[in-house]
Amino acid sequence: IRILQGLLVFGNVVIGMCGIALTAEC
């Protein structure tokens, strides 16, 4: 569960950066 927790945090960091990039592109 701790490993999953870390992966989810990392995954959301990537989602946040992708969101900023998508907004800039659009």
mmCIF file of all heavy atoms, coordinates in Angstrom:
data_MODEL
# 
_entry.id   MODEL 
# 
loop_
_atom_site.group_PDB 
_atom_site.id 
_atom_site.type_symbol 
_atom_site.label_atom_id 
_atom_site.label_alt_id 
_atom_site.label_comp_id 
_atom_site.label_asym_id 
_atom_site.label_entity_id 
_atom_site.label_seq_id 
_atom_site.pdbx_PDB_ins_code 
_atom_site.Cartn_x 
_atom_site.Cartn_y 
_atom_site.Cartn_z 
_atom_site.occupancy 
_atom_site.B_iso_or_equiv 
_atom_site.pdbx_formal_charge 
_atom_site.auth_seq_id 
_atom_site.auth_comp_id 
_atom_site.auth_asym_id 
_atom_site.auth_atom_id 
_atom_site.pdbx_PDB_model_num 
ATOM 1   N N   . ILE A 1 1  ? 0.832  -1.204 0.000   1.00 0.00 ? 1  ILE A N   1 
ATOM 2   C CA  . ILE A 1 1  ? 0.000  0.000  0.000   1.00 0.00 ? 1  ILE A CA  1 
ATOM 3   C C   . ILE A 1 1  ? 0.866  1.254  0.000   1.00 0.00 ? 1  ILE A C   1 
ATOM 4   O O   . ILE A 1 1  ? 0.564  2.247  -0.669  1.00 0.00 ? 1  ILE A O   1 
ATOM 5   C CB  . ILE A 1 1  ? -0.952 -0.009 1.210   1.00 0.00 ? 1  ILE A CB  1 
ATOM 6   C CG1 . ILE A 1 1  ? -2.023 -1.087 1.023   1.00 0.00 ? 1  ILE A CG1 1 
ATOM 7   C CG2 . ILE A 1 1  ? -1.621 1.341  1.375   1.00 0.00 ? 1  ILE A CG2 1 
ATOM 8   C CD1 . ILE A 1 1  ? -2.906 -0.880 -0.197  1.00 0.00 ? 1  ILE A CD1 1 
ATOM 9   N N   . ARG A 1 2  ? 1.980  1.224  0.735   1.00 0.00 ? 2  ARG A N   1 
ATOM 10  C CA  . ARG A 1 2  ? 2.885  2.378  0.766   1.00 0.00 ? 2  ARG A CA  1 
ATOM 11  C C   . ARG A 1 2  ? 3.484  2.639  -0.621  1.00 0.00 ? 2  ARG A C   1 
ATOM 12  O O   . ARG A 1 2  ? 3.633  3.773  -1.049  1.00 0.00 ? 2  ARG A O   1 
ATOM 13  C CB  . ARG A 1 2  ? 4.006  2.146  1.791   1.00 0.00 ? 2  ARG A CB  1 
ATOM 14  C CG  . ARG A 1 2  ? 3.535  2.118  3.230   1.00 0.00 ? 2  ARG A CG  1 
ATOM 15  C CD  . ARG A 1 2  ? 2.878  3.422  3.615   1.00 0.00 ? 2  ARG A CD  1 
ATOM 16  N NE  . ARG A 1 2  ? 2.395  3.387  4.997   1.00 0.00 ? 2  ARG A NE  1 
ATOM 17  C CZ  . ARG A 1 2  ? 1.648  4.334  5.535   1.00 0.00 ? 2  ARG A CZ  1 
ATOM 18  N NH1 . ARG A 1 2  ? 1.281  5.381  4.808   1.00 0.00 ? 2  ARG A NH1 1 
ATOM 19  N NH2 . ARG A 1 2  ? 1.244  4.227  6.791   1.00 0.00 ? 2  ARG A NH2 1 
ATOM 20  N N   . ILE A 1 3  ? 3.842  1.560  -1.298  1.00 0.00 ? 3  ILE A N   1 
ATOM 21  C CA  . ILE A 1 3  ? 4.386  1.711  -2.655  1.00 0.00 ? 3  ILE A CA  1 
ATOM 22  C C   . ILE A 1 3  ? 3.315  2.291  -3.581  1.00 0.00 ? 3  ILE A C   1 
ATOM 23  O O   . ILE A 1 3  ? 3.585  3.203  -4.371  1.00 0.00 ? 3  ILE A O   1 
ATOM 24  C CB  . ILE A 1 3  ? 4.883  0.356  -3.188  1.00 0.00 ? 3  ILE A CB  1 
ATOM 25  C CG1 . ILE A 1 3  ? 6.100  -0.105 -2.383  1.00 0.00 ? 3  ILE A CG1 1 
ATOM 26  C CG2 . ILE A 1 3  ? 5.225  0.456  -4.675  1.00 0.00 ? 3  ILE A CG2 1 
ATOM 27  C CD1 . ILE A 1 3  ? 6.572  -1.511 -2.730  1.00 0.00 ? 3  ILE A CD1 1 
ATOM 28  N N   . LEU A 1 4  ? 2.081  1.785  -3.458  1.00 0.00 ? 4  LEU A N   1 
ATOM 29  C CA  . LEU A 1 4  ? 0.981  2.296  -4.272  1.00 0.00 ? 4  LEU A CA  1 
ATOM 30  C C   . LEU A 1 4  ? 0.733  3.768  -3.972  1.00 0.00 ? 4  LEU A C   1 
ATOM 31  O O   . LEU A 1 4  ? 0.489  4.566  -4.885  1.00 0.00 ? 4  LEU A O   1 
ATOM 32  C CB  . LEU A 1 4  ? -0.286 1.482  -4.005  1.00 0.00 ? 4  LEU A CB  1 
ATOM 33  C CG  . LEU A 1 4  ? -1.563 1.955  -4.732  1.00 0.00 ? 4  LEU A CG  1 
ATOM 34  C CD1 . LEU A 1 4  ? -1.362 1.915  -6.242  1.00 0.00 ? 4  LEU A CD1 1 
ATOM 35  C CD2 . LEU A 1 4  ? -2.762 1.109  -4.321  1.00 0.00 ? 4  LEU A CD2 1 
ATOM 36  N N   . GLN A 1 5  ? 0.833  4.108  -2.713  1.00 0.00 ? 5  GLN A N   1 
ATOM 37  C CA  . GLN A 1 5  ? 0.641  5.499  -2.312  1.00 0.00 ? 5  GLN A CA  1 
ATOM 38  C C   . GLN A 1 5  ? 1.671  6.405  -2.996  1.00 0.00 ? 5  GLN A C   1 
ATOM 39  O O   . GLN A 1 5  ? 1.340  7.470  -3.522  1.00 0.00 ? 5  GLN A O   1 
ATOM 40  C CB  . GLN A 1 5  ? 0.751  5.612  -0.790  1.00 0.00 ? 5  GLN A CB  1 
ATOM 41  C CG  . GLN A 1 5  ? 0.249  6.923  -0.215  1.00 0.00 ? 5  GLN A CG  1 
ATOM 42  C CD  . GLN A 1 5  ? 0.315  6.911  1.298   1.00 0.00 ? 5  GLN A CD  1 
ATOM 43  O OE1 . GLN A 1 5  ? 1.194  6.296  1.907   1.00 0.00 ? 5  GLN A OE1 1 
ATOM 44  N NE2 . GLN A 1 5  ? -0.625 7.579  1.923   1.00 0.00 ? 5  GLN A NE2 1 
ATOM 45  N N   . GLY A 1 6  ? 2.914  5.964  -3.014  1.00 0.00 ? 6  GLY A N   1 
ATOM 46  C CA  . GLY A 1 6  ? 3.970  6.742  -3.667  1.00 0.00 ? 6  GLY A CA  1 
ATOM 47  C C   . GLY A 1 6  ? 3.751  6.853  -5.163  1.00 0.00 ? 6  GLY A C   1 
ATOM 48  O O   . GLY A 1 6  ? 3.954  7.919  -5.761  1.00 0.00 ? 6  GLY A O   1 
ATOM 49  N N   . LEU A 1 7  ? 3.316  5.748  -5.774  1.00 0.00 ? 7  LEU A N   1 
ATOM 50  C CA  . LEU A 1 7  ? 3.062  5.770  -7.220  1.00 0.00 ? 7  LEU A CA  1 
ATOM 51  C C   . LEU A 1 7  ? 1.907  6.711  -7.565  1.00 0.00 ? 7  LEU A C   1 
ATOM 52  O O   . LEU A 1 7  ? 1.951  7.407  -8.584  1.00 0.00 ? 7  LEU A O   1 
ATOM 53  C CB  . LEU A 1 7  ? 2.746  4.356  -7.715  1.00 0.00 ? 7  LEU A CB  1 
ATOM 54  C CG  . LEU A 1 7  ? 3.918  3.364  -7.728  1.00 0.00 ? 7  LEU A CG  1 
ATOM 55  C CD1 . LEU A 1 7  ? 3.426  1.971  -8.106  1.00 0.00 ? 7  LEU A CD1 1 
ATOM 56  C CD2 . LEU A 1 7  ? 5.000  3.827  -8.704  1.00 0.00 ? 7  LEU A CD2 1 
ATOM 57  N N   . LEU A 1 8  ? 0.882  6.733  -6.730  1.00 0.00 ? 8  LEU A N   1 
ATOM 58  C CA  . LEU A 1 8  ? -0.252 7.615  -6.981  1.00 0.00 ? 8  LEU A CA  1 
ATOM 59  C C   . LEU A 1 8  ? 0.137  9.085  -6.849  1.00 0.00 ? 8  LEU A C   1 
ATOM 60  O O   . LEU A 1 8  ? -0.325 9.933  -7.622  1.00 0.00 ? 8  LEU A O   1 
ATOM 61  C CB  . LEU A 1 8  ? -1.405 7.292  -6.030  1.00 0.00 ? 8  LEU A CB  1 
ATOM 62  C CG  . LEU A 1 8  ? -2.101 5.946  -6.252  1.00 0.00 ? 8  LEU A CG  1 
ATOM 63  C CD1 . LEU A 1 8  ? -3.174 5.712  -5.196  1.00 0.00 ? 8  LEU A CD1 1 
ATOM 64  C CD2 . LEU A 1 8  ? -2.706 5.880  -7.650  1.00 0.00 ? 8  LEU A CD2 1 
ATOM 65  N N   . VAL A 1 9  ? 0.983  9.383  -5.880  1.00 0.00 ? 9  VAL A N   1 
ATOM 66  C CA  . VAL A 1 9  ? 1.472  10.761 -5.739  1.00 0.00 ? 9  VAL A CA  1 
ATOM 67  C C   . VAL A 1 9  ? 2.267  11.164 -6.975  1.00 0.00 ? 9  VAL A C   1 
ATOM 68  O O   . VAL A 1 9  ? 2.064  12.236 -7.553  1.00 0.00 ? 9  VAL A O   1 
ATOM 69  C CB  . VAL A 1 9  ? 2.328  10.912 -4.467  1.00 0.00 ? 9  VAL A CB  1 
ATOM 70  C CG1 . VAL A 1 9  ? 3.041  12.272 -4.461  1.00 0.00 ? 9  VAL A CG1 1 
ATOM 71  C CG2 . VAL A 1 9  ? 1.462  10.761 -3.216  1.00 0.00 ? 9  VAL A CG2 1 
ATOM 72  N N   . PHE A 1 10 ? 3.168  10.276 -7.414  1.00 0.00 ? 10 PHE A N   1 
ATOM 73  C CA  . PHE A 1 10 ? 3.953  10.548 -8.617  1.00 0.00 ? 10 PHE A CA  1 
ATOM 74  C C   . PHE A 1 10 ? 3.043  10.694 -9.838  1.00 0.00 ? 10 PHE A C   1 
ATOM 75  O O   . PHE A 1 10 ? 3.221  11.601 -10.662 1.00 0.00 ? 10 PHE A O   1 
ATOM 76  C CB  . PHE A 1 10 ? 4.957  9.423  -8.843  1.00 0.00 ? 10 PHE A CB  1 
ATOM 77  C CG  . PHE A 1 10 ? 5.670  9.517  -10.165 1.00 0.00 ? 10 PHE A CG  1 
ATOM 78  C CD1 . PHE A 1 10 ? 6.668  10.457 -10.379 1.00 0.00 ? 10 PHE A CD1 1 
ATOM 79  C CD2 . PHE A 1 10 ? 5.321  8.661  -11.212 1.00 0.00 ? 10 PHE A CD2 1 
ATOM 80  C CE1 . PHE A 1 10 ? 7.307  10.549 -11.606 1.00 0.00 ? 10 PHE A CE1 1 
ATOM 81  C CE2 . PHE A 1 10 ? 5.956  8.736  -12.433 1.00 0.00 ? 10 PHE A CE2 1 
ATOM 82  C CZ  . PHE A 1 10 ? 6.953  9.681  -12.635 1.00 0.00 ? 10 PHE A CZ  1 
ATOM 83  N N   . GLY A 1 11 ? 2.059  9.810  -9.944  1.00 0.00 ? 11 GLY A N   1 
ATOM 84  C CA  . GLY A 1 11 ? 1.133  9.862  -11.079 1.00 0.00 ? 11 GLY A CA  1 
ATOM 85  C C   . GLY A 1 11 ? 0.365  11.160 -11.133 1.00 0.00 ? 11 GLY A C   1 
ATOM 86  O O   . GLY A 1 11 ? 0.161  11.732 -12.218 1.00 0.00 ? 11 GLY A O   1 
ATOM 87  N N   . ASN A 1 12 ? -0.037 11.665 -9.985  1.00 0.00 ? 12 ASN A N   1 
ATOM 88  C CA  . ASN A 1 12 ? -0.772 12.927 -9.952  1.00 0.00 ? 12 ASN A CA  1 
ATOM 89  C C   . ASN A 1 12 ? 0.125  14.122 -10.249 1.00 0.00 ? 12 ASN A C   1 
ATOM 90  O O   . ASN A 1 12 ? -0.338 15.123 -10.799 1.00 0.00 ? 12 ASN A O   1 
ATOM 91  C CB  . ASN A 1 12 ? -1.471 13.099 -8.602  1.00 0.00 ? 12 ASN A CB  1 
ATOM 92  C CG  . ASN A 1 12 ? -2.797 12.364 -8.539  1.00 0.00 ? 12 ASN A CG  1 
ATOM 93  O OD1 . ASN A 1 12 ? -3.773 12.770 -9.146  1.00 0.00 ? 12 ASN A OD1 1 
ATOM 94  N ND2 . ASN A 1 12 ? -2.822 11.257 -7.802  1.00 0.00 ? 12 ASN A ND2 1 
ATOM 95  N N   . VAL A 1 13 ? 1.384  14.022 -9.887  1.00 0.00 ? 13 VAL A N   1 
ATOM 96  C CA  . VAL A 1 13 ? 2.335  15.083 -10.257 1.00 0.00 ? 13 VAL A CA  1 
ATOM 97  C C   . VAL A 1 13 ? 2.436  15.171 -11.778 1.00 0.00 ? 13 VAL A C   1 
ATOM 98  O O   . VAL A 1 13 ? 2.413  16.256 -12.367 1.00 0.00 ? 13 VAL A O   1 
ATOM 99  C CB  . VAL A 1 13 ? 3.720  14.823 -9.634  1.00 0.00 ? 13 VAL A CB  1 
ATOM 100 C CG1 . VAL A 1 13 ? 4.760  15.781 -10.220 1.00 0.00 ? 13 VAL A CG1 1 
ATOM 101 C CG2 . VAL A 1 13 ? 3.667  14.987 -8.116  1.00 0.00 ? 13 VAL A CG2 1 
ATOM 102 N N   . VAL A 1 14 ? 2.533  14.012 -12.428 1.00 0.00 ? 14 VAL A N   1 
ATOM 103 C CA  . VAL A 1 14 ? 2.586  13.969 -13.893 1.00 0.00 ? 14 VAL A CA  1 
ATOM 104 C C   . VAL A 1 14 ? 1.298  14.529 -14.491 1.00 0.00 ? 14 VAL A C   1 
ATOM 105 O O   . VAL A 1 14 ? 1.334  15.303 -15.460 1.00 0.00 ? 14 VAL A O   1 
ATOM 106 C CB  . VAL A 1 14 ? 2.832  12.534 -14.393 1.00 0.00 ? 14 VAL A CB  1 
ATOM 107 C CG1 . VAL A 1 14 ? 2.739  12.468 -15.920 1.00 0.00 ? 14 VAL A CG1 1 
ATOM 108 C CG2 . VAL A 1 14 ? 4.187  12.029 -13.918 1.00 0.00 ? 14 VAL A CG2 1 
ATOM 109 N N   . ILE A 1 15 ? 0.151  14.155 -13.931 1.00 0.00 ? 15 ILE A N   1 
ATOM 110 C CA  . ILE A 1 15 ? -1.138 14.666 -14.424 1.00 0.00 ? 15 ILE A CA  1 
ATOM 111 C C   . ILE A 1 15 ? -1.190 16.185 -14.308 1.00 0.00 ? 15 ILE A C   1 
ATOM 112 O O   . ILE A 1 15 ? -1.653 16.883 -15.224 1.00 0.00 ? 15 ILE A O   1 
ATOM 113 C CB  . ILE A 1 15 ? -2.304 14.025 -13.653 1.00 0.00 ? 15 ILE A CB  1 
ATOM 114 C CG1 . ILE A 1 15 ? -2.461 12.560 -14.043 1.00 0.00 ? 15 ILE A CG1 1 
ATOM 115 C CG2 . ILE A 1 15 ? -3.612 14.774 -13.920 1.00 0.00 ? 15 ILE A CG2 1 
ATOM 116 C CD1 . ILE A 1 15 ? -3.516 11.820 -13.242 1.00 0.00 ? 15 ILE A CD1 1 
ATOM 117 N N   . GLY A 1 16 ? -0.713 16.712 -13.197 1.00 0.00 ? 16 GLY A N   1 
ATOM 118 C CA  . GLY A 1 16 ? -0.708 18.160 -13.011 1.00 0.00 ? 16 GLY A CA  1 
ATOM 119 C C   . GLY A 1 16 ? 0.148  18.867 -14.047 1.00 0.00 ? 16 GLY A C   1 
ATOM 120 O O   . GLY A 1 16 ? -0.254 19.892 -14.619 1.00 0.00 ? 16 GLY A O   1 
ATOM 121 N N   . MET A 1 17 ? 1.342  18.332 -14.308 1.00 0.00 ? 17 MET A N   1 
ATOM 122 C CA  . MET A 1 17 ? 2.214  18.938 -15.313 1.00 0.00 ? 17 MET A CA  1 
ATOM 123 C C   . MET A 1 17 ? 1.606  18.830 -16.710 1.00 0.00 ? 17 MET A C   1 
ATOM 124 O O   . MET A 1 17 ? 1.691  19.771 -17.516 1.00 0.00 ? 17 MET A O   1 
ATOM 125 C CB  . MET A 1 17 ? 3.593  18.276 -15.277 1.00 0.00 ? 17 MET A CB  1 
ATOM 126 C CG  . MET A 1 17 ? 4.376  18.557 -14.010 1.00 0.00 ? 17 MET A CG  1 
ATOM 127 S SD  . MET A 1 17 ? 6.092  17.993 -14.095 1.00 0.00 ? 17 MET A SD  1 
ATOM 128 C CE  . MET A 1 17 ? 5.841  16.213 -14.212 1.00 0.00 ? 17 MET A CE  1 
ATOM 129 N N   . CYS A 1 18 ? 0.975  17.691 -16.999 1.00 0.00 ? 18 CYS A N   1 
ATOM 130 C CA  . CYS A 1 18 ? 0.314  17.517 -18.299 1.00 0.00 ? 18 CYS A CA  1 
ATOM 131 C C   . CYS A 1 18 ? -0.856 18.488 -18.445 1.00 0.00 ? 18 CYS A C   1 
ATOM 132 O O   . CYS A 1 18 ? -1.110 18.992 -19.544 1.00 0.00 ? 18 CYS A O   1 
ATOM 133 C CB  . CYS A 1 18 ? -0.181 16.086 -18.452 1.00 0.00 ? 18 CYS A CB  1 
ATOM 134 S SG  . CYS A 1 18 ? 1.129  14.871 -18.719 1.00 0.00 ? 18 CYS A SG  1 
ATOM 135 N N   . GLY A 1 19 ? -1.557 18.733 -17.347 1.00 0.00 ? 19 GLY A N   1 
ATOM 136 C CA  . GLY A 1 19 ? -2.666 19.689 -17.389 1.00 0.00 ? 19 GLY A CA  1 
ATOM 137 C C   . GLY A 1 19 ? -2.197 21.085 -17.750 1.00 0.00 ? 19 GLY A C   1 
ATOM 138 O O   . GLY A 1 19 ? -2.820 21.777 -18.560 1.00 0.00 ? 19 GLY A O   1 
ATOM 139 N N   . ILE A 1 20 ? -1.078 21.502 -17.155 1.00 0.00 ? 20 ILE A N   1 
ATOM 140 C CA  . ILE A 1 20 ? -0.519 22.819 -17.478 1.00 0.00 ? 20 ILE A CA  1 
ATOM 141 C C   . ILE A 1 20 ? -0.100 22.873 -18.942 1.00 0.00 ? 20 ILE A C   1 
ATOM 142 O O   . ILE A 1 20 ? -0.362 23.854 -19.650 1.00 0.00 ? 20 ILE A O   1 
ATOM 143 C CB  . ILE A 1 20 ? 0.685  23.121 -16.565 1.00 0.00 ? 20 ILE A CB  1 
ATOM 144 C CG1 . ILE A 1 20 ? 0.228  23.255 -15.102 1.00 0.00 ? 20 ILE A CG1 1 
ATOM 145 C CG2 . ILE A 1 20 ? 1.393  24.404 -17.010 1.00 0.00 ? 20 ILE A CG2 1 
ATOM 146 C CD1 . ILE A 1 20 ? 1.354  23.400 -14.119 1.00 0.00 ? 20 ILE A CD1 1 
ATOM 147 N N   . ALA A 1 21 ? 0.553  21.808 -19.416 1.00 0.00 ? 21 ALA A N   1 
ATOM 148 C CA  . ALA A 1 21 ? 1.002  21.764 -20.806 1.00 0.00 ? 21 ALA A CA  1 
ATOM 149 C C   . ALA A 1 21 ? -0.184 21.781 -21.770 1.00 0.00 ? 21 ALA A C   1 
ATOM 150 O O   . ALA A 1 21 ? -0.152 22.462 -22.805 1.00 0.00 ? 21 ALA A O   1 
ATOM 151 C CB  . ALA A 1 21 ? 1.854  20.515 -21.038 1.00 0.00 ? 21 ALA A CB  1 
ATOM 152 N N   . LEU A 1 22 ? -1.246 21.030 -21.445 1.00 0.00 ? 22 LEU A N   1 
ATOM 153 C CA  . LEU A 1 22 ? -2.432 20.992 -22.298 1.00 0.00 ? 22 LEU A CA  1 
ATOM 154 C C   . LEU A 1 22 ? -3.092 22.365 -22.376 1.00 0.00 ? 22 LEU A C   1 
ATOM 155 O O   . LEU A 1 22 ? -3.500 22.809 -23.459 1.00 0.00 ? 22 LEU A O   1 
ATOM 156 C CB  . LEU A 1 22 ? -3.429 19.965 -21.750 1.00 0.00 ? 22 LEU A CB  1 
ATOM 157 C CG  . LEU A 1 22 ? -4.757 19.822 -22.524 1.00 0.00 ? 22 LEU A CG  1 
ATOM 158 C CD1 . LEU A 1 22 ? -4.499 19.319 -23.940 1.00 0.00 ? 22 LEU A CD1 1 
ATOM 159 C CD2 . LEU A 1 22 ? -5.704 18.891 -21.785 1.00 0.00 ? 22 LEU A CD2 1 
ATOM 160 N N   . THR A 1 23 ? -3.176 23.042 -21.242 1.00 0.00 ? 23 THR A N   1 
ATOM 161 C CA  . THR A 1 23 ? -3.760 24.382 -21.219 1.00 0.00 ? 23 THR A CA  1 
ATOM 162 C C   . THR A 1 23 ? -2.952 25.336 -22.082 1.00 0.00 ? 23 THR A C   1 
ATOM 163 O O   . THR A 1 23 ? -3.508 26.104 -22.873 1.00 0.00 ? 23 THR A O   1 
ATOM 164 C CB  . THR A 1 23 ? -3.829 24.910 -19.770 1.00 0.00 ? 23 THR A CB  1 
ATOM 165 O OG1 . THR A 1 23 ? -4.676 24.063 -18.992 1.00 0.00 ? 23 THR A OG1 1 
ATOM 166 C CG2 . THR A 1 23 ? -4.370 26.326 -19.739 1.00 0.00 ? 23 THR A CG2 1 
ATOM 167 N N   . ALA A 1 24 ? -1.620 25.284 -21.944 1.00 0.00 ? 24 ALA A N   1 
ATOM 168 C CA  . ALA A 1 24 ? -0.756 26.164 -22.731 1.00 0.00 ? 24 ALA A CA  1 
ATOM 169 C C   . ALA A 1 24 ? -0.907 25.895 -24.232 1.00 0.00 ? 24 ALA A C   1 
ATOM 170 O O   . ALA A 1 24 ? -0.996 26.825 -25.039 1.00 0.00 ? 24 ALA A O   1 
ATOM 171 C CB  . ALA A 1 24 ? 0.693  25.976 -22.307 1.00 0.00 ? 24 ALA A CB  1 
ATOM 172 N N   . GLU A 1 25 ? -0.959 24.612 -24.600 1.00 0.00 ? 25 GLU A N   1 
ATOM 173 C CA  . GLU A 1 25 ? -1.101 24.250 -26.013 1.00 0.00 ? 25 GLU A CA  1 
ATOM 174 C C   . GLU A 1 25 ? -2.425 24.755 -26.578 1.00 0.00 ? 25 GLU A C   1 
ATOM 175 O O   . GLU A 1 25 ? -2.466 25.315 -27.686 1.00 0.00 ? 25 GLU A O   1 
ATOM 176 C CB  . GLU A 1 25 ? -1.026 22.733 -26.168 1.00 0.00 ? 25 GLU A CB  1 
ATOM 177 C CG  . GLU A 1 25 ? -1.181 22.256 -27.601 1.00 0.00 ? 25 GLU A CG  1 
ATOM 178 C CD  . GLU A 1 25 ? -1.273 20.743 -27.719 1.00 0.00 ? 25 GLU A CD  1 
ATOM 179 O OE1 . GLU A 1 25 ? -1.645 20.092 -26.735 1.00 0.00 ? 25 GLU A OE1 1 
ATOM 180 O OE2 . GLU A 1 25 ? -0.976 20.238 -28.813 1.00 0.00 ? 25 GLU A OE2 1 
ATOM 181 N N   . CYS A 1 26 ? -3.497 24.571 -25.835 1.00 0.00 ? 26 CYS A N   1 
ATOM 182 C CA  . CYS A 1 26 ? -4.811 24.978 -26.316 1.00 0.00 ? 26 CYS A CA  1 
ATOM 183 C C   . CYS A 1 26 ? -4.958 26.501 -26.359 1.00 0.00 ? 26 CYS A C   1 
ATOM 184 O O   . CYS A 1 26 ? -5.613 27.042 -27.262 1.00 0.00 ? 26 CYS A O   1 
ATOM 185 C CB  . CYS A 1 26 ? -5.906 24.366 -25.446 1.00 0.00 ? 26 CYS A CB  1 
ATOM 186 S SG  . CYS A 1 26 ? -6.038 22.567 -25.610 1.00 0.00 ? 26 CYS A SG  1 
# 
